[in-house]
Amino acid sequence: MRVKITLACSECKQRNYNTYKNKKNDPDKLKFNKYCRFCRKHTIHNETK
């Protein structure tokens, strides 16, 4: 059930991180507060395709 997802910065839209999630436990899109090296600050990163 684990699938690979990509996380993109909500401000600059750069795809910075890859991770895995369990679709059964997290059917909605994930959001994480992570560091963006392009913005040079912590921003919200959303799940993308």
N, C-alpha and C. Protein backbone atom coordinates (compact mmCIF):
# COMPACT_ATOMS: atom_id res chain seq x y z
N MET A 1 0.81 -1.21 0.00
CA MET A 1 0.00 0.00 0.00
C MET A 1 0.85 1.27 0.00
N ARG A 2 2.15 1.15 0.22
CA ARG A 2 2.99 2.35 0.28
C ARG A 2 3.33 2.81 -1.13
N VAL A 3 3.14 4.11 -1.37
CA VAL A 3 3.45 4.69 -2.67
C VAL A 3 4.43 5.84 -2.49
N LYS A 4 5.22 6.08 -3.52
CA LYS A 4 6.20 7.16 -3.49
C LYS A 4 5.50 8.46 -3.88
N ILE A 5 5.74 9.53 -3.11
CA ILE A 5 5.15 10.83 -3.41
C ILE A 5 6.25 11.88 -3.46
N THR A 6 5.95 13.01 -4.09
CA THR A 6 6.88 14.13 -4.18
C THR A 6 6.27 15.31 -3.44
N LEU A 7 7.12 16.04 -2.71
CA LEU A 7 6.66 17.21 -1.97
C LEU A 7 7.19 18.46 -2.65
N ALA A 8 6.29 19.43 -2.88
CA ALA A 8 6.66 20.68 -3.54
C ALA A 8 6.42 21.85 -2.60
N CYS A 9 7.29 22.84 -2.68
CA CYS A 9 7.18 24.04 -1.86
C CYS A 9 5.92 24.81 -2.27
N SER A 10 5.20 25.32 -1.28
CA SER A 10 3.96 26.05 -1.57
C SER A 10 4.23 27.46 -2.08
N GLU A 11 5.44 28.00 -1.86
CA GLU A 11 5.75 29.36 -2.29
C GLU A 11 6.41 29.41 -3.66
N CYS A 12 7.47 28.62 -3.86
CA CYS A 12 8.19 28.68 -5.14
C CYS A 12 7.85 27.53 -6.08
N LYS A 13 7.08 26.55 -5.61
CA LYS A 13 6.60 25.41 -6.40
C LYS A 13 7.70 24.45 -6.85
N GLN A 14 8.89 24.55 -6.26
CA GLN A 14 9.97 23.61 -6.57
C GLN A 14 9.69 22.28 -5.89
N ARG A 15 9.99 21.19 -6.58
CA ARG A 15 9.80 19.86 -6.01
C ARG A 15 11.11 19.45 -5.33
N ASN A 16 11.11 19.47 -4.00
CA ASN A 16 12.34 19.31 -3.24
C ASN A 16 12.53 17.95 -2.60
N TYR A 17 11.46 17.30 -2.20
CA TYR A 17 11.57 16.08 -1.39
C TYR A 17 10.76 14.94 -1.99
N ASN A 18 11.26 13.72 -1.78
CA ASN A 18 10.53 12.50 -2.11
C ASN A 18 10.34 11.73 -0.81
N THR A 19 9.18 11.09 -0.68
CA THR A 19 8.92 10.28 0.50
C THR A 19 7.87 9.23 0.14
N TYR A 20 7.52 8.42 1.12
CA TYR A 20 6.52 7.38 0.93
C TYR A 20 5.37 7.61 1.89
N LYS A 21 4.19 7.20 1.47
CA LYS A 21 3.05 7.26 2.37
C LYS A 21 2.18 6.03 2.19
N ASN A 22 1.41 5.71 3.22
CA ASN A 22 0.48 4.61 3.19
C ASN A 22 -0.88 5.18 2.79
N LYS A 23 -1.37 4.79 1.61
CA LYS A 23 -2.63 5.33 1.11
C LYS A 23 -3.83 4.97 1.98
N LYS A 24 -3.72 3.85 2.67
CA LYS A 24 -4.83 3.41 3.52
C LYS A 24 -4.95 4.31 4.76
N ASN A 25 -3.80 4.68 5.36
CA ASN A 25 -3.83 5.51 6.56
C ASN A 25 -3.96 7.00 6.25
N ASP A 26 -3.44 7.44 5.11
CA ASP A 26 -3.45 8.86 4.72
C ASP A 26 -4.03 9.03 3.33
N PRO A 27 -5.34 8.95 3.18
CA PRO A 27 -5.91 9.08 1.83
C PRO A 27 -5.85 10.52 1.29
N ASP A 28 -5.77 11.52 2.20
CA ASP A 28 -5.70 12.91 1.76
C ASP A 28 -4.26 13.28 1.42
N LYS A 29 -4.11 14.46 0.79
CA LYS A 29 -2.77 14.94 0.47
C LYS A 29 -2.06 15.40 1.73
N LEU A 30 -0.76 15.08 1.80
CA LEU A 30 0.03 15.42 2.99
C LEU A 30 0.61 16.82 2.89
N LYS A 31 0.83 17.43 4.07
CA LYS A 31 1.50 18.72 4.17
C LYS A 31 2.55 18.62 5.27
N PHE A 32 3.76 19.10 4.96
CA PHE A 32 4.85 19.11 5.92
C PHE A 32 5.49 20.48 5.94
N ASN A 33 5.98 20.88 7.11
CA ASN A 33 6.77 22.10 7.21
C ASN A 33 8.23 21.70 7.09
N LYS A 34 8.85 21.98 5.93
CA LYS A 34 10.21 21.55 5.66
C LYS A 34 11.02 22.72 5.11
N TYR A 35 12.34 22.54 5.09
CA TYR A 35 13.23 23.59 4.61
C TYR A 35 13.29 23.58 3.09
N CYS A 36 13.14 24.75 2.48
CA CYS A 36 13.27 24.91 1.03
C CYS A 36 14.60 25.61 0.75
N ARG A 37 15.49 24.96 0.01
CA ARG A 37 16.79 25.56 -0.24
C ARG A 37 16.71 26.68 -1.27
N PHE A 38 15.63 26.76 -2.03
CA PHE A 38 15.47 27.84 -3.00
C PHE A 38 14.94 29.11 -2.33
N CYS A 39 13.99 28.96 -1.41
CA CYS A 39 13.47 30.09 -0.64
C CYS A 39 14.38 30.45 0.54
N ARG A 40 15.22 29.49 0.94
CA ARG A 40 16.12 29.61 2.09
C ARG A 40 15.38 29.85 3.40
N LYS A 41 14.26 29.15 3.56
CA LYS A 41 13.50 29.21 4.81
C LYS A 41 12.58 28.00 4.89
N HIS A 42 11.98 27.81 6.05
CA HIS A 42 11.02 26.72 6.24
C HIS A 42 9.68 27.15 5.67
N THR A 43 9.11 26.31 4.82
CA THR A 43 7.81 26.58 4.21
C THR A 43 6.96 25.31 4.25
N ILE A 44 5.70 25.46 3.94
CA ILE A 44 4.81 24.30 3.83
C ILE A 44 5.09 23.60 2.50
N HIS A 45 5.27 22.30 2.56
CA HIS A 45 5.47 21.48 1.37
C HIS A 45 4.25 20.56 1.21
N ASN A 46 3.63 20.61 0.03
CA ASN A 46 2.43 19.83 -0.26
C ASN A 46 2.76 18.65 -1.14
N GLU A 47 1.93 17.64 -1.03
CA GLU A 47 2.08 16.45 -1.89
C GLU A 47 1.69 16.79 -3.32
N THR A 48 2.50 16.35 -4.27
CA THR A 48 2.19 16.51 -5.70
C THR A 48 2.29 15.16 -6.38
N LYS A 49 2.03 15.12 -7.67
CA LYS A 49 2.10 13.87 -8.41
C LYS A 49 3.52 13.45 -8.63
